[in-house]
Amino acid sequence: MHRLEAYARLALIFIVALAILYLPVLFFLKKRGKPVSRQISYLGLVCSLFLIAFATIFFTPISFHPGTHTLNVVPFAWVGAGDDLSLLIVEKVPNVLLFIPLGFFLPAIFQKMRRLSAVVPVSFLTTFSIEFFQFFIGRSSDIDDIIANLLGAVLGYGLFKLLGALFHSKSHWKSFIGSR
């Protein structure tokens, strides 16, 4: 659970720091007629992208030694390895959670991303690029991470659609997604 707690602390610190840095921009844009709820959607996307980059690339040490690279191309190879539940909670669940905001904020900000068929390729390219880069900086690359990240993006998209169905006529939702 130590790693999961570290991710939670990292997320909290990062979101608070970014929010503090973004507040002056938020008030400036509010003066220029941009609704606060729309600015929150932009902030959400920026926070999620920074959090993804920080958690996947900068959170652990970088090593260019050839012996440190690992590659797993077999999906769910960890299942049946003995400590399945612990591995699921510590490694796979954070990957899912990490990409939920991306799947939510992409369609909130970009009208062309309001279809699952648009969100999935962007999410796939994002997670594939991360895994590709991680391999070359001495980290592990794992097909399960790609699957978990895609699942998170799909769940985020589903949350966007659910909230859209519930609040489609509300002015704050329309402002949040920029359709007002």
N, C-alpha and C. Protein backbone atom coordinates (compact mmCIF):
# COMPACT_ATOMS: atom_id res chain seq x y z
N MET A 1 0.81 -1.20 0.00
CA MET A 1 0.00 0.00 0.00
C MET A 1 0.85 1.26 0.00
N HIS A 2 2.13 1.11 0.28
CA HIS A 2 3.01 2.26 0.33
C HIS A 2 3.01 3.01 -1.01
N ARG A 3 3.06 2.29 -2.11
CA ARG A 3 3.09 2.91 -3.43
C ARG A 3 1.77 3.64 -3.73
N LEU A 4 0.67 3.03 -3.35
CA LEU A 4 -0.64 3.64 -3.55
C LEU A 4 -0.78 4.93 -2.75
N GLU A 5 -0.30 4.92 -1.52
CA GLU A 5 -0.32 6.12 -0.69
C GLU A 5 0.56 7.21 -1.30
N ALA A 6 1.68 6.82 -1.85
CA ALA A 6 2.58 7.78 -2.48
C ALA A 6 1.89 8.43 -3.68
N TYR A 7 1.19 7.64 -4.47
CA TYR A 7 0.45 8.19 -5.62
C TYR A 7 -0.63 9.15 -5.15
N ALA A 8 -1.33 8.81 -4.09
CA ALA A 8 -2.39 9.67 -3.57
C ALA A 8 -1.82 11.00 -3.08
N ARG A 9 -0.72 10.94 -2.36
CA ARG A 9 -0.07 12.18 -1.89
C ARG A 9 0.41 13.01 -3.06
N LEU A 10 1.03 12.35 -4.02
CA LEU A 10 1.52 13.03 -5.22
C LEU A 10 0.38 13.73 -5.94
N ALA A 11 -0.73 13.05 -6.10
CA ALA A 11 -1.89 13.64 -6.78
C ALA A 11 -2.39 14.86 -6.03
N LEU A 12 -2.51 14.76 -4.73
CA LEU A 12 -3.00 15.88 -3.93
C LEU A 12 -2.07 17.08 -4.01
N ILE A 13 -0.79 16.85 -3.82
CA ILE A 13 0.20 17.94 -3.88
C ILE A 13 0.19 18.59 -5.25
N PHE A 14 0.16 17.77 -6.26
CA PHE A 14 0.22 18.28 -7.63
C PHE A 14 -1.01 19.10 -7.97
N ILE A 15 -2.18 18.61 -7.61
CA ILE A 15 -3.42 19.32 -7.92
C ILE A 15 -3.49 20.64 -7.16
N VAL A 16 -3.10 20.64 -5.90
CA VAL A 16 -3.11 21.88 -5.11
C VAL A 16 -2.13 22.89 -5.70
N ALA A 17 -0.92 22.46 -6.03
CA ALA A 17 0.08 23.37 -6.60
C ALA A 17 -0.38 23.94 -7.93
N LEU A 18 -0.92 23.10 -8.78
CA LEU A 18 -1.38 23.57 -10.08
C LEU A 18 -2.57 24.51 -9.94
N ALA A 19 -3.45 24.21 -9.01
CA ALA A 19 -4.61 25.08 -8.78
C ALA A 19 -4.15 26.46 -8.31
N ILE A 20 -3.18 26.50 -7.41
CA ILE A 20 -2.66 27.78 -6.92
C ILE A 20 -2.03 28.57 -8.07
N LEU A 21 -1.29 27.89 -8.92
CA LEU A 21 -0.68 28.56 -10.06
C LEU A 21 -1.72 29.01 -11.08
N TYR A 22 -2.82 28.28 -11.17
CA TYR A 22 -3.83 28.58 -12.18
C TYR A 22 -4.83 29.65 -11.74
N LEU A 23 -4.95 29.90 -10.45
CA LEU A 23 -5.94 30.87 -9.95
C LEU A 23 -5.83 32.25 -10.60
N PRO A 24 -4.65 32.83 -10.75
CA PRO A 24 -4.58 34.14 -11.42
C PRO A 24 -5.10 34.08 -12.87
N VAL A 25 -4.79 33.01 -13.57
CA VAL A 25 -5.28 32.84 -14.94
C VAL A 25 -6.80 32.73 -14.93
N LEU A 26 -7.32 31.98 -13.98
CA LEU A 26 -8.76 31.80 -13.86
C LEU A 26 -9.48 33.14 -13.70
N PHE A 27 -8.99 33.99 -12.82
CA PHE A 27 -9.62 35.28 -12.60
C PHE A 27 -9.45 36.22 -13.80
N PHE A 28 -8.31 36.15 -14.45
CA PHE A 28 -8.09 36.95 -15.66
C PHE A 28 -9.09 36.57 -16.75
N LEU A 29 -9.26 35.27 -16.97
CA LEU A 29 -10.19 34.81 -18.00
C LEU A 29 -11.64 35.07 -17.61
N LYS A 30 -11.93 35.04 -16.34
CA LYS A 30 -13.28 35.36 -15.86
C LYS A 30 -13.60 36.81 -16.20
N LYS A 31 -12.63 37.70 -16.03
CA LYS A 31 -12.83 39.11 -16.37
C LYS A 31 -13.08 39.28 -17.87
N ARG A 32 -12.52 38.40 -18.67
CA ARG A 32 -12.67 38.47 -20.12
C ARG A 32 -13.93 37.74 -20.61
N GLY A 33 -14.77 37.32 -19.67
CA GLY A 33 -16.04 36.72 -20.05
C GLY A 33 -16.06 35.21 -20.17
N LYS A 34 -14.99 34.56 -19.81
CA LYS A 34 -14.96 33.09 -19.85
C LYS A 34 -15.54 32.56 -18.54
N PRO A 35 -16.56 31.71 -18.61
CA PRO A 35 -17.17 31.19 -17.39
C PRO A 35 -16.19 30.36 -16.56
N VAL A 36 -16.30 30.48 -15.25
CA VAL A 36 -15.43 29.74 -14.35
C VAL A 36 -15.56 28.23 -14.57
N SER A 37 -16.78 27.77 -14.80
CA SER A 37 -16.97 26.32 -14.99
C SER A 37 -16.23 25.82 -16.23
N ARG A 38 -16.14 26.64 -17.27
CA ARG A 38 -15.39 26.23 -18.47
C ARG A 38 -13.89 26.19 -18.15
N GLN A 39 -13.43 27.16 -17.38
CA GLN A 39 -12.03 27.19 -17.01
C GLN A 39 -11.66 25.99 -16.14
N ILE A 40 -12.60 25.54 -15.33
CA ILE A 40 -12.34 24.35 -14.51
C ILE A 40 -12.13 23.13 -15.38
N SER A 41 -12.84 23.05 -16.49
CA SER A 41 -12.63 21.91 -17.39
C SER A 41 -11.23 21.95 -18.00
N TYR A 42 -10.76 23.15 -18.37
CA TYR A 42 -9.39 23.27 -18.88
C TYR A 42 -8.37 22.90 -17.81
N LEU A 43 -8.59 23.41 -16.61
CA LEU A 43 -7.69 23.10 -15.51
C LEU A 43 -7.66 21.60 -15.24
N GLY A 44 -8.82 20.97 -15.30
CA GLY A 44 -8.89 19.52 -15.10
C GLY A 44 -8.06 18.75 -16.10
N LEU A 45 -8.13 19.15 -17.37
CA LEU A 45 -7.34 18.46 -18.39
C LEU A 45 -5.85 18.68 -18.18
N VAL A 46 -5.47 19.92 -17.89
CA VAL A 46 -4.06 20.22 -17.66
C VAL A 46 -3.54 19.44 -16.45
N CYS A 47 -4.32 19.43 -15.37
CA CYS A 47 -3.92 18.67 -14.17
C CYS A 47 -3.76 17.19 -14.49
N SER A 48 -4.71 16.64 -15.22
CA SER A 48 -4.63 15.21 -15.50
C SER A 48 -3.43 14.88 -16.38
N LEU A 49 -3.12 15.73 -17.36
CA LEU A 49 -1.95 15.48 -18.21
C LEU A 49 -0.65 15.58 -17.42
N PHE A 50 -0.54 16.60 -16.57
CA PHE A 50 0.65 16.73 -15.74
C PHE A 50 0.78 15.57 -14.77
N LEU A 51 -0.31 15.17 -14.18
CA LEU A 51 -0.29 14.05 -13.24
C LEU A 51 0.12 12.76 -13.94
N ILE A 52 -0.40 12.53 -15.13
CA ILE A 52 -0.02 11.34 -15.91
C ILE A 52 1.47 11.36 -16.20
N ALA A 53 1.97 12.50 -16.68
CA ALA A 53 3.40 12.61 -17.00
C ALA A 53 4.25 12.41 -15.76
N PHE A 54 3.87 13.06 -14.68
CA PHE A 54 4.67 12.97 -13.47
C PHE A 54 4.66 11.56 -12.89
N ALA A 55 3.49 10.95 -12.82
CA ALA A 55 3.37 9.62 -12.21
C ALA A 55 4.01 8.53 -13.06
N THR A 56 4.00 8.69 -14.37
CA THR A 56 4.50 7.61 -15.22
C THR A 56 5.95 7.79 -15.66
N ILE A 57 6.43 9.00 -15.67
CA ILE A 57 7.78 9.22 -16.19
C ILE A 57 8.73 9.74 -15.13
N PHE A 58 8.29 10.71 -14.35
CA PHE A 58 9.20 11.38 -13.43
C PHE A 58 9.15 10.87 -12.00
N PHE A 59 8.18 10.02 -11.68
CA PHE A 59 7.98 9.58 -10.30
C PHE A 59 9.03 8.58 -9.83
N THR A 60 9.59 7.81 -10.72
CA THR A 60 10.60 6.81 -10.35
C THR A 60 11.91 7.12 -11.05
N PRO A 61 13.00 6.59 -10.56
CA PRO A 61 14.31 6.90 -11.12
C PRO A 61 14.44 6.48 -12.58
N ILE A 62 15.22 7.26 -13.31
CA ILE A 62 15.51 6.96 -14.71
C ILE A 62 16.88 6.31 -14.78
N SER A 63 16.97 5.23 -15.57
CA SER A 63 18.23 4.52 -15.73
C SER A 63 18.40 4.14 -17.19
N PHE A 64 19.56 4.43 -17.72
CA PHE A 64 19.84 4.09 -19.11
C PHE A 64 20.71 2.84 -19.22
N HIS A 65 20.80 2.06 -18.15
CA HIS A 65 21.56 0.82 -18.18
C HIS A 65 20.75 -0.25 -18.90
N PRO A 66 21.36 -0.96 -19.84
CA PRO A 66 20.62 -1.94 -20.64
C PRO A 66 19.94 -3.03 -19.83
N GLY A 67 20.48 -3.42 -18.71
CA GLY A 67 19.91 -4.52 -17.94
C GLY A 67 18.66 -4.17 -17.17
N THR A 68 18.29 -2.88 -17.14
CA THR A 68 17.15 -2.48 -16.34
C THR A 68 15.84 -2.43 -17.12
N HIS A 69 15.89 -2.58 -18.43
CA HIS A 69 14.68 -2.54 -19.25
C HIS A 69 13.90 -3.84 -19.13
N THR A 70 12.61 -3.75 -18.94
CA THR A 70 11.76 -4.95 -18.96
C THR A 70 10.56 -4.67 -19.86
N LEU A 71 10.12 -5.72 -20.53
CA LEU A 71 9.01 -5.61 -21.47
C LEU A 71 8.07 -6.78 -21.27
N ASN A 72 6.80 -6.50 -21.04
CA ASN A 72 5.79 -7.55 -20.94
C ASN A 72 4.77 -7.32 -22.05
N VAL A 73 4.69 -8.25 -22.98
CA VAL A 73 3.72 -8.15 -24.07
C VAL A 73 2.62 -9.20 -23.94
N VAL A 74 2.62 -9.94 -22.83
CA VAL A 74 1.61 -10.96 -22.59
C VAL A 74 0.56 -10.38 -21.63
N PRO A 75 -0.66 -10.15 -22.12
CA PRO A 75 -1.68 -9.58 -21.24
C PRO A 75 -2.00 -10.49 -20.05
N PHE A 76 -2.12 -9.89 -18.90
CA PHE A 76 -2.53 -10.55 -17.66
C PHE A 76 -1.61 -11.70 -17.25
N ALA A 77 -0.33 -11.59 -17.55
CA ALA A 77 0.64 -12.62 -17.17
C ALA A 77 0.78 -12.70 -15.65
N TRP A 78 0.43 -11.66 -14.94
CA TRP A 78 0.53 -11.62 -13.49
C TRP A 78 -0.56 -12.42 -12.80
N VAL A 79 -1.64 -12.72 -13.52
CA VAL A 79 -2.75 -13.48 -12.92
C VAL A 79 -2.27 -14.90 -12.62
N GLY A 80 -2.49 -15.34 -11.42
CA GLY A 80 -2.06 -16.67 -11.01
C GLY A 80 -0.65 -16.71 -10.46
N ALA A 81 -0.04 -15.53 -10.32
CA ALA A 81 1.33 -15.47 -9.82
C ALA A 81 1.40 -15.51 -8.30
N GLY A 82 0.28 -15.67 -7.64
CA GLY A 82 0.31 -15.82 -6.19
C GLY A 82 -0.30 -14.65 -5.45
N ASP A 83 0.16 -13.45 -5.72
CA ASP A 83 -0.29 -12.27 -4.98
C ASP A 83 -1.13 -11.37 -5.89
N ASP A 84 -2.10 -11.98 -6.58
CA ASP A 84 -2.90 -11.28 -7.58
C ASP A 84 -3.59 -10.04 -7.05
N LEU A 85 -4.28 -10.16 -5.93
CA LEU A 85 -5.07 -9.05 -5.39
C LEU A 85 -4.18 -7.88 -5.00
N SER A 86 -3.06 -8.17 -4.37
CA SER A 86 -2.14 -7.12 -3.97
C SER A 86 -1.59 -6.39 -5.20
N LEU A 87 -1.20 -7.14 -6.22
CA LEU A 87 -0.68 -6.53 -7.45
C LEU A 87 -1.76 -5.72 -8.14
N LEU A 88 -2.97 -6.23 -8.15
CA LEU A 88 -4.08 -5.52 -8.76
C LEU A 88 -4.30 -4.17 -8.08
N ILE A 89 -4.32 -4.17 -6.76
CA ILE A 89 -4.58 -2.95 -6.01
C ILE A 89 -3.43 -1.96 -6.12
N VAL A 90 -2.22 -2.42 -6.04
CA VAL A 90 -1.06 -1.53 -6.00
C VAL A 90 -0.64 -1.04 -7.38
N GLU A 91 -0.77 -1.86 -8.41
CA GLU A 91 -0.26 -1.46 -9.71
C GLU A 91 -1.33 -1.20 -10.76
N LYS A 92 -2.35 -2.00 -10.81
CA LYS A 92 -3.32 -1.88 -11.91
C LYS A 92 -4.39 -0.84 -11.63
N VAL A 93 -4.93 -0.82 -10.43
CA VAL A 93 -5.98 0.15 -10.09
C VAL A 93 -5.49 1.59 -10.25
N PRO A 94 -4.28 1.95 -9.78
CA PRO A 94 -3.81 3.32 -10.01
C PRO A 94 -3.72 3.67 -11.50
N ASN A 95 -3.34 2.71 -12.34
CA ASN A 95 -3.29 2.97 -13.78
C ASN A 95 -4.68 3.29 -14.33
N VAL A 96 -5.68 2.56 -13.87
CA VAL A 96 -7.05 2.84 -14.29
C VAL A 96 -7.45 4.23 -13.82
N LEU A 97 -7.24 4.52 -12.54
CA LEU A 97 -7.64 5.80 -11.97
C LEU A 97 -6.92 6.98 -12.63
N LEU A 98 -5.69 6.77 -13.02
CA LEU A 98 -4.88 7.83 -13.61
C LEU A 98 -5.46 8.35 -14.93
N PHE A 99 -6.12 7.48 -15.68
CA PHE A 99 -6.61 7.88 -17.00
C PHE A 99 -8.10 8.24 -17.02
N ILE A 100 -8.81 8.07 -15.91
CA ILE A 100 -10.22 8.47 -15.88
C ILE A 100 -10.38 9.97 -16.19
N PRO A 101 -9.58 10.86 -15.59
CA PRO A 101 -9.74 12.28 -15.92
C PRO A 101 -9.50 12.59 -17.40
N LEU A 102 -8.56 11.92 -18.03
CA LEU A 102 -8.30 12.16 -19.45
C LEU A 102 -9.54 11.80 -20.27
N GLY A 103 -10.12 10.64 -20.00
CA GLY A 103 -11.33 10.23 -20.71
C GLY A 103 -12.52 11.13 -20.44
N PHE A 104 -12.52 11.79 -19.30
CA PHE A 104 -13.60 12.71 -18.95
C PHE A 104 -13.39 14.10 -19.57
N PHE A 105 -12.19 14.65 -19.44
CA PHE A 105 -11.96 16.03 -19.85
C PHE A 105 -11.76 16.20 -21.35
N LEU A 106 -11.28 15.20 -22.06
CA LEU A 106 -11.15 15.34 -23.52
C LEU A 106 -12.48 15.69 -24.17
N PRO A 107 -13.55 14.92 -23.93
CA PRO A 107 -14.82 15.30 -24.55
C PRO A 107 -15.44 16.56 -23.93
N ALA A 108 -15.08 16.87 -22.70
CA ALA A 108 -15.61 18.09 -22.08
C ALA A 108 -15.07 19.34 -22.78
N ILE A 109 -13.84 19.26 -23.25
CA ILE A 109 -13.19 20.42 -23.85
C ILE A 109 -13.31 20.44 -25.37
N PHE A 110 -13.11 19.30 -25.99
CA PHE A 110 -13.09 19.23 -27.46
C PHE A 110 -14.35 18.55 -27.98
N GLN A 111 -15.13 19.30 -28.74
CA GLN A 111 -16.38 18.75 -29.25
C GLN A 111 -16.14 17.54 -30.15
N LYS A 112 -15.04 17.52 -30.88
CA LYS A 112 -14.73 16.38 -31.76
C LYS A 112 -14.41 15.11 -30.97
N MET A 113 -14.19 15.25 -29.68
CA MET A 113 -13.87 14.10 -28.83
C MET A 113 -15.10 13.56 -28.10
N ARG A 114 -16.26 13.92 -28.52
CA ARG A 114 -17.47 13.50 -27.82
C ARG A 114 -18.00 12.15 -28.31
N ARG A 115 -17.14 11.40 -28.95
CA ARG A 115 -17.44 10.02 -29.34
C ARG A 115 -16.35 9.12 -28.76
N LEU A 116 -16.74 7.95 -28.32
CA LEU A 116 -15.76 7.01 -27.78
C LEU A 116 -14.72 6.66 -28.83
N SER A 117 -15.14 6.61 -30.09
CA SER A 117 -14.22 6.28 -31.18
C SER A 117 -13.17 7.37 -31.39
N ALA A 118 -13.34 8.53 -30.79
CA ALA A 118 -12.33 9.58 -30.85
C ALA A 118 -11.45 9.57 -29.60
N VAL A 119 -12.03 9.26 -28.45
CA VAL A 119 -11.29 9.27 -27.19
C VAL A 119 -10.32 8.09 -27.11
N VAL A 120 -10.74 6.92 -27.57
CA VAL A 120 -9.90 5.72 -27.46
C VAL A 120 -8.58 5.87 -28.20
N PRO A 121 -8.55 6.32 -29.48
CA PRO A 121 -7.24 6.45 -30.14
C PRO A 121 -6.30 7.45 -29.46
N VAL A 122 -6.84 8.57 -28.99
CA VAL A 122 -6.00 9.56 -28.31
C VAL A 122 -5.45 8.96 -27.01
N SER A 123 -6.30 8.28 -26.28
CA SER A 123 -5.87 7.64 -25.03
C SER A 123 -4.85 6.54 -25.31
N PHE A 124 -5.08 5.77 -26.36
CA PHE A 124 -4.14 4.71 -26.72
C PHE A 124 -2.79 5.30 -27.08
N LEU A 125 -2.78 6.32 -27.93
CA LEU A 125 -1.51 6.94 -28.31
C LEU A 125 -0.79 7.53 -27.10
N THR A 126 -1.54 8.09 -26.18
CA THR A 126 -0.93 8.65 -24.97
C THR A 126 -0.27 7.56 -24.14
N THR A 127 -1.00 6.50 -23.86
CA THR A 127 -0.45 5.43 -23.01
C THR A 127 0.64 4.64 -23.73
N PHE A 128 0.49 4.43 -25.04
CA PHE A 128 1.52 3.73 -25.79
C PHE A 128 2.81 4.55 -25.80
N SER A 129 2.69 5.86 -25.99
CA SER A 129 3.87 6.73 -25.98
C SER A 129 4.58 6.67 -24.63
N ILE A 130 3.81 6.66 -23.57
CA ILE A 130 4.39 6.57 -22.23
C ILE A 130 5.14 5.26 -22.06
N GLU A 131 4.50 4.15 -22.40
CA GLU A 131 5.14 2.83 -22.26
C GLU A 131 6.38 2.72 -23.14
N PHE A 132 6.32 3.26 -24.34
CA PHE A 132 7.46 3.25 -25.26
C PHE A 132 8.62 4.03 -24.66
N PHE A 133 8.32 5.22 -24.16
CA PHE A 133 9.34 6.07 -23.55
C PHE A 133 9.91 5.42 -22.30
N GLN A 134 9.05 4.83 -21.48
CA GLN A 134 9.51 4.20 -20.24
C GLN A 134 10.52 3.08 -20.52
N PHE A 135 10.31 2.34 -21.58
CA PHE A 135 11.23 1.26 -21.90
C PHE A 135 12.64 1.80 -22.13
N PHE A 136 12.74 2.94 -22.79
CA PHE A 136 14.05 3.48 -23.13
C PHE A 136 14.71 4.27 -22.01
N ILE A 137 13.98 4.53 -20.94
CA ILE A 137 14.62 5.20 -19.80
C ILE A 137 14.83 4.23 -18.64
N GLY A 138 14.81 2.95 -18.95
CA GLY A 138 15.15 1.95 -17.94
C GLY A 138 14.00 1.52 -17.06
N ARG A 139 12.81 1.81 -17.45
CA ARG A 139 11.63 1.40 -16.69
C ARG A 139 10.99 0.21 -17.38
N SER A 140 9.93 -0.29 -16.83
CA SER A 140 9.25 -1.42 -17.46
C SER A 140 8.17 -0.91 -18.40
N SER A 141 7.94 -1.67 -19.44
CA SER A 141 6.83 -1.43 -20.36
C SER A 141 5.94 -2.65 -20.29
N ASP A 142 4.65 -2.42 -20.12
CA ASP A 142 3.74 -3.52 -19.83
C ASP A 142 2.43 -3.34 -20.58
N ILE A 143 2.03 -4.35 -21.32
CA ILE A 143 0.76 -4.32 -22.04
C ILE A 143 -0.41 -4.14 -21.07
N ASP A 144 -0.27 -4.66 -19.86
CA ASP A 144 -1.33 -4.51 -18.86
C ASP A 144 -1.53 -3.05 -18.47
N ASP A 145 -0.46 -2.27 -18.48
CA ASP A 145 -0.59 -0.84 -18.19
C ASP A 145 -1.40 -0.16 -19.29
N ILE A 146 -1.14 -0.53 -20.53
CA ILE A 146 -1.90 0.04 -21.65
C ILE A 146 -3.38 -0.32 -21.52
N ILE A 147 -3.65 -1.58 -21.20
CA ILE A 147 -5.04 -2.02 -21.03
C ILE A 147 -5.71 -1.28 -19.87
N ALA A 148 -5.01 -1.17 -18.74
CA ALA A 148 -5.57 -0.48 -17.57
C ALA A 148 -5.80 1.00 -17.87
N ASN A 149 -4.86 1.64 -18.54
CA ASN A 149 -5.01 3.05 -18.88
C ASN A 149 -6.18 3.27 -19.83
N LEU A 150 -6.31 2.39 -20.83
CA LEU A 150 -7.45 2.50 -21.75
C LEU A 150 -8.77 2.30 -21.01
N LEU A 151 -8.80 1.34 -20.10
CA LEU A 151 -10.00 1.12 -19.31
C LEU A 151 -10.36 2.39 -18.52
N GLY A 152 -9.35 3.03 -17.94
CA GLY A 152 -9.59 4.27 -17.21
C GLY A 152 -10.15 5.36 -18.11
N ALA A 153 -9.60 5.51 -19.31
CA ALA A 153 -10.10 6.52 -20.24
C ALA A 153 -11.54 6.23 -20.65
N VAL A 154 -11.85 4.96 -20.89
CA VAL A 154 -13.22 4.57 -21.26
C VAL A 154 -14.18 4.85 -20.09
N LEU A 155 -13.75 4.55 -18.87
CA LEU A 155 -14.58 4.85 -17.70
C LEU A 155 -14.79 6.37 -17.55
N GLY A 156 -13.75 7.14 -17.79
CA GLY A 156 -13.88 8.60 -17.75
C GLY A 156 -14.85 9.11 -18.80
N TYR A 157 -14.77 8.55 -20.00
CA TYR A 157 -15.71 8.91 -21.06
C TYR A 157 -17.13 8.54 -20.66
N GLY A 158 -17.29 7.35 -20.08
CA GLY A 158 -18.60 6.93 -19.61
C GLY A 158 -19.16 7.87 -18.55
N LEU A 159 -18.29 8.33 -17.66
CA LEU A 159 -18.70 9.30 -16.64
C LEU A 159 -19.15 10.61 -17.29
N PHE A 160 -18.42 11.05 -18.30
CA PHE A 160 -18.80 12.26 -19.04
C PHE A 160 -20.18 12.09 -19.66
N LYS A 161 -20.42 10.96 -20.30
CA LYS A 161 -21.72 10.70 -20.94
C LYS A 161 -22.83 10.62 -19.89
N LEU A 162 -22.55 9.97 -18.78
CA LEU A 162 -23.55 9.84 -17.72
C LEU A 162 -23.93 11.21 -17.16
N LEU A 163 -22.92 12.01 -16.83
CA LEU A 163 -23.20 13.35 -16.31
C LEU A 163 -23.89 14.22 -17.36
N GLY A 164 -23.51 14.04 -18.62
CA GLY A 164 -24.17 14.77 -19.70
C GLY A 164 -25.64 14.41 -19.81
N ALA A 165 -25.96 13.13 -19.64
CA ALA A 165 -27.36 12.70 -19.69
C ALA A 165 -28.14 13.23 -18.50
N LEU A 166 -27.50 13.29 -17.34
CA LEU A 166 -28.18 13.77 -16.14
C LEU A 166 -28.35 15.29 -16.11
N PHE A 167 -27.35 16.01 -16.62
CA PHE A 167 -27.33 17.46 -16.47
C PHE A 167 -27.34 18.22 -17.79
N HIS A 168 -27.73 17.59 -18.90
CA HIS A 168 -27.63 18.22 -20.21
C HIS A 168 -28.38 19.54 -20.33
N SER A 169 -29.41 19.73 -19.56
CA SER A 169 -30.17 20.98 -19.65
C SER A 169 -29.72 22.03 -18.62
N LYS A 170 -28.80 21.68 -17.76
CA LYS A 170 -28.34 22.61 -16.72
C LYS A 170 -27.33 23.60 -17.31
N SER A 171 -27.44 24.84 -16.92
CA SER A 171 -26.56 25.87 -17.47
C SER A 171 -25.10 25.66 -17.09
N HIS A 172 -24.84 25.17 -15.88
CA HIS A 172 -23.44 24.94 -15.48
C HIS A 172 -22.79 23.85 -16.32
N TRP A 173 -23.54 22.81 -16.65
CA TRP A 173 -23.00 21.74 -17.49
C TRP A 173 -22.72 22.27 -18.89
N LYS A 174 -23.65 23.04 -19.43
CA LYS A 174 -23.46 23.61 -20.77
C LYS A 174 -22.23 24.52 -20.79
N SER A 175 -22.06 25.28 -19.73
CA SER A 175 -20.90 26.15 -19.62
C SER A 175 -19.62 25.33 -19.48
N PHE A 176 -19.68 24.27 -18.70
CA PHE A 176 -18.52 23.40 -18.45
C PHE A 176 -18.01 22.78 -19.75
N ILE A 177 -18.94 22.38 -20.63
CA ILE A 177 -18.52 21.74 -21.88
C ILE A 177 -18.46 22.72 -23.04
N GLY A 178 -18.75 23.99 -22.79
CA GLY A 178 -18.60 25.02 -23.81
C GLY A 178 -19.69 25.03 -24.86
N SER A 179 -20.88 24.55 -24.53
CA SER A 179 -21.95 24.53 -25.53
C SER A 179 -22.97 25.64 -25.28
N ARG A 180 -22.56 26.63 -24.56
CA ARG A 180 -23.46 27.73 -24.24
C ARG A 180 -23.01 28.99 -24.89
